[in-house]
Every structure is written in C-alpha cells, then in structure tokens.
N, C-alpha and C. Protein backbone atom coordinates (compact mmCIF):
# COMPACT_ATOMS: atom_id res chain seq x y z
N MET A 1 80.05 -74.76 -146.50
CA MET A 1 80.32 -75.72 -147.55
C MET A 1 79.28 -76.79 -147.61
N LYS A 2 78.92 -77.17 -146.35
CA LYS A 2 77.85 -78.26 -146.24
C LYS A 2 76.63 -77.80 -147.01
N TRP A 3 76.17 -76.64 -146.95
CA TRP A 3 74.93 -76.19 -147.49
C TRP A 3 75.14 -76.01 -149.05
N LEU A 4 76.35 -75.53 -149.45
CA LEU A 4 76.61 -75.42 -150.88
C LEU A 4 76.59 -76.72 -151.49
N ASN A 5 77.32 -77.75 -150.87
CA ASN A 5 77.30 -79.10 -151.46
C ASN A 5 75.88 -79.69 -151.50
N ALA A 6 75.06 -79.43 -150.51
CA ALA A 6 73.64 -79.94 -150.54
C ALA A 6 72.87 -79.36 -151.74
N ILE A 7 73.08 -78.14 -152.01
CA ILE A 7 72.45 -77.50 -153.23
C ILE A 7 73.07 -77.95 -154.55
N ILE A 8 74.34 -78.27 -154.63
CA ILE A 8 75.08 -78.72 -155.80
C ILE A 8 74.67 -80.11 -156.06
N HIS A 9 74.52 -80.95 -155.13
CA HIS A 9 74.27 -82.34 -155.31
C HIS A 9 72.74 -82.64 -155.21
N GLU A 10 71.90 -81.68 -155.09
CA GLU A 10 70.49 -81.98 -155.03
C GLU A 10 70.01 -82.44 -156.30
N GLN A 11 69.19 -83.61 -156.24
CA GLN A 11 68.67 -84.15 -157.39
C GLN A 11 67.30 -83.72 -157.88
N ASP A 12 66.74 -82.94 -156.91
CA ASP A 12 65.33 -82.43 -157.14
C ASP A 12 65.28 -81.53 -158.29
N THR A 13 64.45 -81.83 -159.25
CA THR A 13 64.41 -80.95 -160.49
C THR A 13 63.69 -79.69 -160.23
N ASP A 14 63.14 -79.46 -159.04
CA ASP A 14 62.46 -78.23 -158.78
C ASP A 14 63.48 -77.09 -158.44
N LEU A 15 64.78 -77.38 -158.16
CA LEU A 15 65.77 -76.50 -157.68
C LEU A 15 66.06 -75.55 -158.95
N ARG A 16 65.98 -74.24 -158.75
CA ARG A 16 66.28 -73.35 -159.87
C ARG A 16 67.71 -73.44 -160.41
N GLU A 17 67.93 -73.56 -161.59
CA GLU A 17 69.34 -73.72 -162.11
C GLU A 17 70.26 -72.61 -161.71
N ASP A 18 69.68 -71.41 -161.74
CA ASP A 18 70.53 -70.30 -161.37
C ASP A 18 71.09 -70.31 -159.96
N LEU A 19 70.24 -70.88 -159.08
CA LEU A 19 70.72 -71.10 -157.65
C LEU A 19 71.82 -72.20 -157.66
N HIS A 20 71.56 -73.12 -158.41
CA HIS A 20 72.64 -74.27 -158.48
C HIS A 20 73.92 -73.74 -159.05
N SER A 21 73.79 -72.97 -160.10
CA SER A 21 75.06 -72.31 -160.76
C SER A 21 75.79 -71.44 -159.67
N PHE A 22 74.92 -70.60 -159.08
CA PHE A 22 75.64 -69.69 -158.17
C PHE A 22 76.24 -70.37 -156.89
N ALA A 23 75.65 -71.48 -156.55
CA ALA A 23 76.16 -72.26 -155.32
C ALA A 23 77.66 -72.69 -155.83
N ARG A 24 77.89 -73.04 -157.04
CA ARG A 24 79.18 -73.42 -157.50
C ARG A 24 80.11 -72.27 -157.58
N ILE A 25 79.70 -71.14 -157.87
CA ILE A 25 80.57 -69.97 -157.87
C ILE A 25 80.91 -69.72 -156.35
N LEU A 26 79.98 -69.70 -155.57
CA LEU A 26 80.23 -69.45 -154.02
C LEU A 26 81.19 -70.50 -153.52
N LYS A 27 81.11 -71.69 -153.92
CA LYS A 27 81.96 -72.80 -153.56
C LYS A 27 83.39 -72.36 -153.88
N LEU A 28 83.62 -71.89 -155.04
CA LEU A 28 85.01 -71.38 -155.63
C LEU A 28 85.50 -70.36 -154.70
N ILE A 29 84.66 -69.32 -154.31
CA ILE A 29 84.97 -68.31 -153.42
C ILE A 29 85.49 -68.97 -151.99
N CYS A 30 84.73 -69.83 -151.61
CA CYS A 30 85.08 -70.53 -150.27
C CYS A 30 86.46 -71.09 -150.33
N TYR A 31 86.63 -71.92 -151.47
CA TYR A 31 88.02 -72.53 -151.63
C TYR A 31 89.14 -71.40 -151.72
N PHE A 32 88.87 -70.36 -152.46
CA PHE A 32 89.81 -69.29 -152.47
C PHE A 32 90.12 -68.71 -151.07
N GLU A 33 89.10 -68.47 -150.30
CA GLU A 33 89.29 -68.06 -148.94
C GLU A 33 89.96 -69.03 -148.05
N MET A 34 89.90 -70.35 -148.36
CA MET A 34 90.62 -71.19 -147.59
C MET A 34 92.04 -71.51 -148.16
N ASP A 35 92.39 -70.81 -149.20
CA ASP A 35 93.60 -70.95 -149.98
C ASP A 35 94.01 -72.41 -150.42
N ASP A 36 92.82 -73.01 -150.86
CA ASP A 36 92.99 -74.51 -151.28
C ASP A 36 93.05 -74.49 -152.83
N ARG A 37 94.38 -74.33 -153.31
CA ARG A 37 94.49 -74.26 -154.77
C ARG A 37 94.20 -75.46 -155.56
N GLU A 38 94.40 -76.64 -154.99
CA GLU A 38 93.91 -77.91 -155.67
C GLU A 38 92.52 -77.97 -155.86
N MET A 39 91.64 -77.56 -154.77
CA MET A 39 90.24 -77.64 -154.97
C MET A 39 89.74 -76.50 -155.93
N ILE A 40 90.45 -75.39 -155.94
CA ILE A 40 90.01 -74.30 -156.75
C ILE A 40 90.24 -74.84 -158.24
N GLU A 41 91.32 -75.38 -158.56
CA GLU A 41 91.65 -75.79 -159.88
C GLU A 41 90.59 -76.93 -160.36
N MET A 42 90.25 -77.85 -159.47
CA MET A 42 89.48 -78.90 -159.75
C MET A 42 87.91 -78.32 -160.02
N ASN A 43 87.58 -77.42 -159.02
CA ASN A 43 86.23 -76.83 -159.17
C ASN A 43 86.08 -75.82 -160.33
N ILE A 44 87.06 -75.26 -160.79
CA ILE A 44 87.00 -74.40 -161.99
C ILE A 44 86.50 -75.17 -163.15
N ARG A 45 87.22 -76.32 -163.35
CA ARG A 45 86.81 -77.24 -164.52
C ARG A 45 85.38 -77.75 -164.39
N THR A 46 84.99 -78.28 -163.17
CA THR A 46 83.81 -78.80 -163.10
C THR A 46 82.59 -77.69 -163.22
N THR A 47 82.88 -76.52 -162.59
CA THR A 47 81.96 -75.45 -162.68
C THR A 47 81.76 -74.99 -164.17
N TYR A 48 82.88 -74.83 -164.82
CA TYR A 48 82.87 -74.42 -166.26
C TYR A 48 82.10 -75.45 -167.12
N ARG A 49 82.33 -76.62 -166.92
CA ARG A 49 81.50 -77.66 -167.69
C ARG A 49 80.05 -77.65 -167.35
N PHE A 50 79.84 -77.49 -166.09
CA PHE A 50 78.37 -77.42 -165.63
C PHE A 50 77.58 -76.28 -166.33
N LEU A 51 78.35 -75.02 -166.18
CA LEU A 51 77.62 -73.91 -166.77
C LEU A 51 77.54 -73.88 -168.21
N LEU A 52 78.37 -74.47 -168.87
CA LEU A 52 78.34 -74.64 -170.37
C LEU A 52 77.24 -75.65 -170.64
N ARG A 53 77.02 -76.68 -170.00
CA ARG A 53 75.95 -77.72 -170.23
C ARG A 53 74.68 -77.17 -169.93
N LYS A 54 74.58 -76.31 -168.92
CA LYS A 54 73.18 -75.75 -168.49
C LYS A 54 73.03 -74.36 -169.33
N LYS A 55 73.93 -73.98 -170.16
CA LYS A 55 73.83 -72.73 -170.86
C LYS A 55 73.61 -71.54 -169.91
N GLU A 56 74.32 -71.60 -168.81
CA GLU A 56 74.33 -70.48 -167.77
C GLU A 56 75.67 -69.72 -167.85
N LEU A 57 76.45 -69.88 -168.77
CA LEU A 57 77.80 -69.25 -168.74
C LEU A 57 77.68 -67.85 -169.43
N GLY A 58 77.43 -66.91 -168.51
CA GLY A 58 77.32 -65.45 -168.94
C GLY A 58 78.61 -64.74 -168.67
N LYS A 59 78.59 -63.47 -168.86
CA LYS A 59 79.83 -62.58 -168.83
C LYS A 59 80.27 -62.69 -167.25
N TYR A 60 79.27 -62.54 -166.44
CA TYR A 60 79.50 -62.60 -164.90
C TYR A 60 80.38 -63.88 -164.51
N GLU A 61 79.72 -64.95 -164.94
CA GLU A 61 80.36 -66.26 -164.58
C GLU A 61 81.79 -66.34 -165.32
N THR A 62 81.90 -66.03 -166.56
CA THR A 62 83.06 -66.12 -167.31
C THR A 62 84.21 -65.18 -166.59
N ALA A 63 83.84 -64.02 -166.19
CA ALA A 63 84.81 -63.01 -165.45
C ALA A 63 85.36 -63.74 -164.24
N ILE A 64 84.39 -64.31 -163.43
CA ILE A 64 84.87 -64.94 -162.17
C ILE A 64 85.70 -66.12 -162.44
N LEU A 65 85.31 -67.06 -163.32
CA LEU A 65 86.17 -68.20 -163.60
C LEU A 65 87.57 -67.77 -164.12
N LYS A 66 87.57 -66.75 -164.87
CA LYS A 66 88.90 -66.25 -165.44
C LYS A 66 89.71 -65.66 -164.27
N PHE A 67 89.06 -65.09 -163.30
CA PHE A 67 89.83 -64.57 -162.10
C PHE A 67 90.40 -65.72 -161.33
N PHE A 68 89.63 -66.80 -161.20
CA PHE A 68 90.11 -67.91 -160.35
C PHE A 68 91.23 -68.61 -161.12
N ARG A 69 91.11 -68.79 -162.49
CA ARG A 69 92.12 -69.40 -163.27
C ARG A 69 93.48 -68.59 -163.22
N ASP A 70 93.36 -67.23 -163.32
CA ASP A 70 94.47 -66.34 -163.23
C ASP A 70 95.07 -66.33 -161.89
N SER A 71 94.30 -66.44 -160.86
CA SER A 71 94.77 -66.44 -159.41
C SER A 71 95.55 -67.64 -159.12
N GLN A 72 95.44 -68.72 -159.92
CA GLN A 72 96.25 -69.94 -159.70
C GLN A 72 97.74 -69.61 -159.99
N ASN A 73 97.89 -68.78 -160.91
CA ASN A 73 99.37 -68.29 -161.41
C ASN A 73 99.88 -67.14 -160.65
N ALA A 74 99.11 -66.52 -159.75
CA ALA A 74 99.61 -65.41 -158.95
C ALA A 74 100.21 -65.98 -157.61
N PHE A 75 101.42 -65.55 -157.30
CA PHE A 75 101.97 -65.96 -156.14
C PHE A 75 102.24 -64.88 -155.05
N SER A 76 102.15 -63.71 -155.32
CA SER A 76 102.33 -62.56 -154.38
C SER A 76 100.99 -61.94 -154.16
N GLN A 77 100.96 -61.35 -153.01
CA GLN A 77 99.70 -60.63 -152.60
C GLN A 77 99.41 -59.44 -153.49
N LYS A 78 100.51 -58.81 -153.94
CA LYS A 78 100.42 -57.77 -154.96
C LYS A 78 99.73 -58.24 -156.21
N GLU A 79 100.03 -59.34 -156.77
CA GLU A 79 99.47 -59.90 -157.92
C GLU A 79 97.95 -60.21 -157.74
N ILE A 80 97.68 -60.81 -156.64
CA ILE A 80 96.28 -61.15 -156.32
C ILE A 80 95.47 -59.87 -156.17
N ILE A 81 95.99 -58.82 -155.52
CA ILE A 81 95.17 -57.58 -155.43
C ILE A 81 94.94 -56.91 -156.77
N GLN A 82 96.00 -57.04 -157.63
CA GLN A 82 95.78 -56.47 -159.00
C GLN A 82 94.66 -57.23 -159.75
N LEU A 83 94.64 -58.60 -159.57
CA LEU A 83 93.56 -59.35 -160.23
C LEU A 83 92.16 -59.00 -159.58
N PHE A 84 92.18 -58.72 -158.17
CA PHE A 84 90.91 -58.32 -157.68
C PHE A 84 90.46 -56.89 -158.40
N LYS A 85 91.40 -56.03 -158.62
CA LYS A 85 91.07 -54.74 -159.08
C LYS A 85 90.54 -54.95 -160.60
N VAL A 86 91.18 -55.83 -161.32
CA VAL A 86 90.62 -56.08 -162.69
C VAL A 86 89.18 -56.60 -162.61
N LEU A 87 89.05 -57.61 -161.75
CA LEU A 87 87.76 -58.16 -161.69
C LEU A 87 86.68 -57.25 -161.18
N LYS A 88 87.00 -56.35 -160.29
CA LYS A 88 86.13 -55.41 -159.68
C LYS A 88 85.67 -54.40 -160.93
N SER A 89 86.73 -54.06 -161.67
CA SER A 89 86.33 -53.14 -162.85
C SER A 89 85.41 -53.79 -163.75
N LYS A 90 85.52 -55.10 -164.09
CA LYS A 90 84.62 -55.93 -165.00
C LYS A 90 83.23 -55.91 -164.23
N MET A 91 83.27 -56.13 -163.02
CA MET A 91 81.87 -56.39 -162.39
C MET A 91 81.22 -55.09 -162.26
N LEU A 92 81.88 -53.99 -162.09
CA LEU A 92 81.21 -52.68 -162.12
C LEU A 92 80.41 -52.41 -163.53
N ARG A 93 81.22 -52.85 -164.52
CA ARG A 93 80.56 -52.61 -165.86
C ARG A 93 79.44 -53.60 -166.01
N LEU A 94 79.59 -54.77 -165.60
CA LEU A 94 78.51 -55.88 -165.71
C LEU A 94 77.33 -55.52 -164.82
N GLU A 95 77.53 -54.91 -163.71
CA GLU A 95 76.40 -54.53 -162.89
C GLU A 95 75.39 -53.57 -163.68
N LYS A 96 75.80 -52.93 -164.70
CA LYS A 96 74.94 -52.07 -165.41
C LYS A 96 74.33 -52.71 -166.60
N ASP A 97 74.76 -54.01 -166.90
CA ASP A 97 74.25 -54.77 -168.08
C ASP A 97 72.98 -55.39 -167.53
N ARG A 98 71.88 -55.15 -168.35
CA ARG A 98 70.58 -55.61 -167.92
C ARG A 98 70.50 -57.18 -168.01
N PHE A 99 71.36 -57.80 -168.84
CA PHE A 99 71.28 -59.24 -168.87
C PHE A 99 72.24 -59.93 -167.85
N GLU A 100 72.95 -59.17 -167.07
CA GLU A 100 73.91 -59.67 -166.03
C GLU A 100 73.38 -59.16 -164.68
N LYS A 101 72.58 -58.32 -164.52
CA LYS A 101 72.12 -57.80 -163.24
C LYS A 101 71.70 -58.82 -162.23
N ARG A 102 71.02 -59.85 -162.75
CA ARG A 102 70.45 -60.80 -161.75
C ARG A 102 71.49 -61.40 -160.81
N ALA A 103 72.62 -61.66 -161.39
CA ALA A 103 73.73 -62.41 -160.65
C ALA A 103 74.04 -61.60 -159.46
N PHE A 104 74.02 -60.22 -159.45
CA PHE A 104 74.46 -59.42 -158.35
C PHE A 104 73.37 -59.44 -157.27
N ASN A 105 72.24 -59.98 -157.45
CA ASN A 105 71.14 -60.09 -156.39
C ASN A 105 71.53 -61.17 -155.39
N TYR A 106 72.49 -62.11 -155.79
CA TYR A 106 72.86 -63.38 -154.96
C TYR A 106 73.91 -63.03 -153.90
N PHE A 107 74.83 -62.14 -154.31
CA PHE A 107 76.01 -61.93 -153.60
C PHE A 107 76.63 -60.55 -153.96
N ASP A 108 76.95 -59.77 -152.92
CA ASP A 108 77.42 -58.39 -153.20
C ASP A 108 78.95 -58.56 -153.52
N ILE A 109 79.15 -59.00 -154.65
CA ILE A 109 80.60 -59.29 -155.07
C ILE A 109 81.36 -58.05 -155.07
N ILE A 110 80.90 -56.90 -155.39
CA ILE A 110 81.60 -55.59 -155.47
C ILE A 110 82.18 -55.34 -154.14
N SER A 111 81.30 -55.49 -153.00
CA SER A 111 81.84 -55.23 -151.61
C SER A 111 82.85 -56.19 -151.22
N TYR A 112 82.63 -57.49 -151.69
CA TYR A 112 83.66 -58.58 -151.43
C TYR A 112 85.13 -58.14 -152.07
N LEU A 113 84.90 -57.69 -153.27
CA LEU A 113 86.18 -57.33 -153.98
C LEU A 113 86.83 -56.11 -153.26
N GLU A 114 85.96 -55.14 -152.98
CA GLU A 114 86.52 -53.93 -152.29
C GLU A 114 87.22 -54.33 -150.98
N SER A 115 86.59 -55.29 -150.20
CA SER A 115 87.22 -55.73 -148.92
C SER A 115 88.48 -56.42 -149.16
N LYS A 116 88.67 -57.19 -150.24
CA LYS A 116 89.89 -57.84 -150.44
C LYS A 116 90.95 -56.86 -150.91
N ILE A 117 90.60 -55.85 -151.74
CA ILE A 117 91.62 -54.83 -152.11
C ILE A 117 92.03 -53.92 -151.07
N GLN A 118 91.10 -53.59 -150.21
CA GLN A 118 91.38 -52.69 -149.09
C GLN A 118 91.94 -53.38 -147.84
N GLY A 119 91.74 -54.65 -147.86
CA GLY A 119 92.30 -55.44 -146.71
C GLY A 119 91.41 -55.24 -145.49
N LEU A 120 90.13 -55.12 -145.72
CA LEU A 120 89.08 -54.88 -144.69
C LEU A 120 88.05 -56.03 -144.70
N LEU A 121 87.36 -56.20 -143.48
CA LEU A 121 86.30 -57.25 -143.50
C LEU A 121 85.21 -56.76 -144.42
N ILE A 122 84.60 -57.65 -145.03
CA ILE A 122 83.38 -57.30 -145.96
C ILE A 122 82.35 -56.61 -145.15
N GLU A 123 82.12 -56.88 -143.91
CA GLU A 123 81.03 -56.17 -143.17
C GLU A 123 81.38 -54.76 -142.89
N THR A 124 82.66 -54.35 -142.80
CA THR A 124 83.06 -53.09 -142.72
C THR A 124 82.84 -52.30 -144.03
N VAL A 125 83.15 -52.85 -145.10
CA VAL A 125 82.84 -52.18 -146.45
C VAL A 125 81.34 -52.09 -146.55
N VAL A 126 80.47 -53.13 -146.23
CA VAL A 126 79.12 -52.94 -146.47
C VAL A 126 78.57 -51.88 -145.48
N LYS A 127 79.01 -51.83 -144.20
CA LYS A 127 78.52 -50.78 -143.25
C LYS A 127 78.98 -49.46 -143.78
N ASN A 128 80.17 -49.25 -144.39
CA ASN A 128 80.58 -47.95 -144.95
C ASN A 128 79.66 -47.59 -146.09
N LYS A 129 79.36 -48.50 -146.92
CA LYS A 129 78.48 -48.18 -148.00
C LYS A 129 77.05 -47.66 -147.50
N LEU A 130 76.52 -48.41 -146.57
CA LEU A 130 75.29 -48.13 -146.14
C LEU A 130 75.23 -46.68 -145.41
N LYS A 131 76.33 -46.31 -144.74
CA LYS A 131 76.44 -45.09 -144.08
C LYS A 131 76.51 -44.03 -145.26
N GLY A 132 77.25 -44.25 -146.27
CA GLY A 132 77.47 -43.34 -147.30
C GLY A 132 76.09 -43.11 -148.07
N SER A 133 75.34 -44.25 -148.30
CA SER A 133 73.99 -43.85 -148.97
C SER A 133 73.06 -43.29 -148.05
N ALA A 134 73.16 -43.50 -146.72
CA ALA A 134 72.32 -42.77 -145.80
C ALA A 134 72.50 -41.32 -145.76
N GLN A 135 73.83 -41.03 -145.72
CA GLN A 135 74.21 -39.55 -145.73
C GLN A 135 73.82 -38.86 -147.11
N SER A 136 73.90 -39.57 -148.18
CA SER A 136 73.62 -39.01 -149.37
C SER A 136 72.10 -38.70 -149.63
N LYS A 137 71.25 -39.43 -148.84
CA LYS A 137 69.73 -39.31 -148.89
C LYS A 137 69.43 -38.10 -148.01
N GLU A 138 70.24 -37.61 -147.04
CA GLU A 138 69.94 -36.57 -146.15
C GLU A 138 70.06 -35.19 -146.85
C-alpha cells in the first residue's frame, strides 16, 4: 500500500497516467483482500472520478469497478465466488480486445480470479499455467 500510495499521490507530471490509474485499481484489490469494505466503497468513488477525469475509463476498468461495487452487496462466499466468475468471463473476453489488452500487462487478473474461484494461492495457479504451457510446447 505504501508504494501504491506513493504512485497515486505523486505530483510529478512525468508519471504515466496508465500507471497511476492502475495503481488505483491495485489499491482496490488490496482493500478487498484486507476485507475493508469502508475503504473499498470510498476508493471506488475516487477511482471512478479519477478515471473519468483522465479519460482512462475503459471496459477493463469499468468491469473491475462494477465487481467491487457489486461485492459490497454480497455477504456470502458463494455470492462472492459467483461475482468472481462473472468478472473472469468478462476479462477473458476483454483479453482478446485489442484496445483493452494493455491493461493485462500490468497484472495477471485472470490468474488472480482463478485463484479466488478455486480457493488456491495465486502462485499455485500461475505455476500450473506455466506447467501446462510448457507441456503443450513439447
């Protein structure tokens, strides 16, 4: 959070806007992982306003913000997992969109979502993907 805040509050105009925008998305993910509903709610609004002002609100960002907004109303683990599945489905479609592809370079959100759906560590999901891609090359 320290480094994300440093990026978000950086006044240097040389910082790329896409990095600033994505730092805000990652901050939301961190608050979600900490189960801090109050900070999620506050940061959804500030992130949305920031992205609109910077004209950085694409389909990727919109889908993630919708997930966080919807997750605020979900109270069971089953509801949260269903929301993860919906978001993963959207992200798989967006991954093929040439205008949205760039966002996937910053964070492997598909693996993150798979880890949440399967109840595994993200590193396990990534290792399994790497094993699978290595085997398919053989």
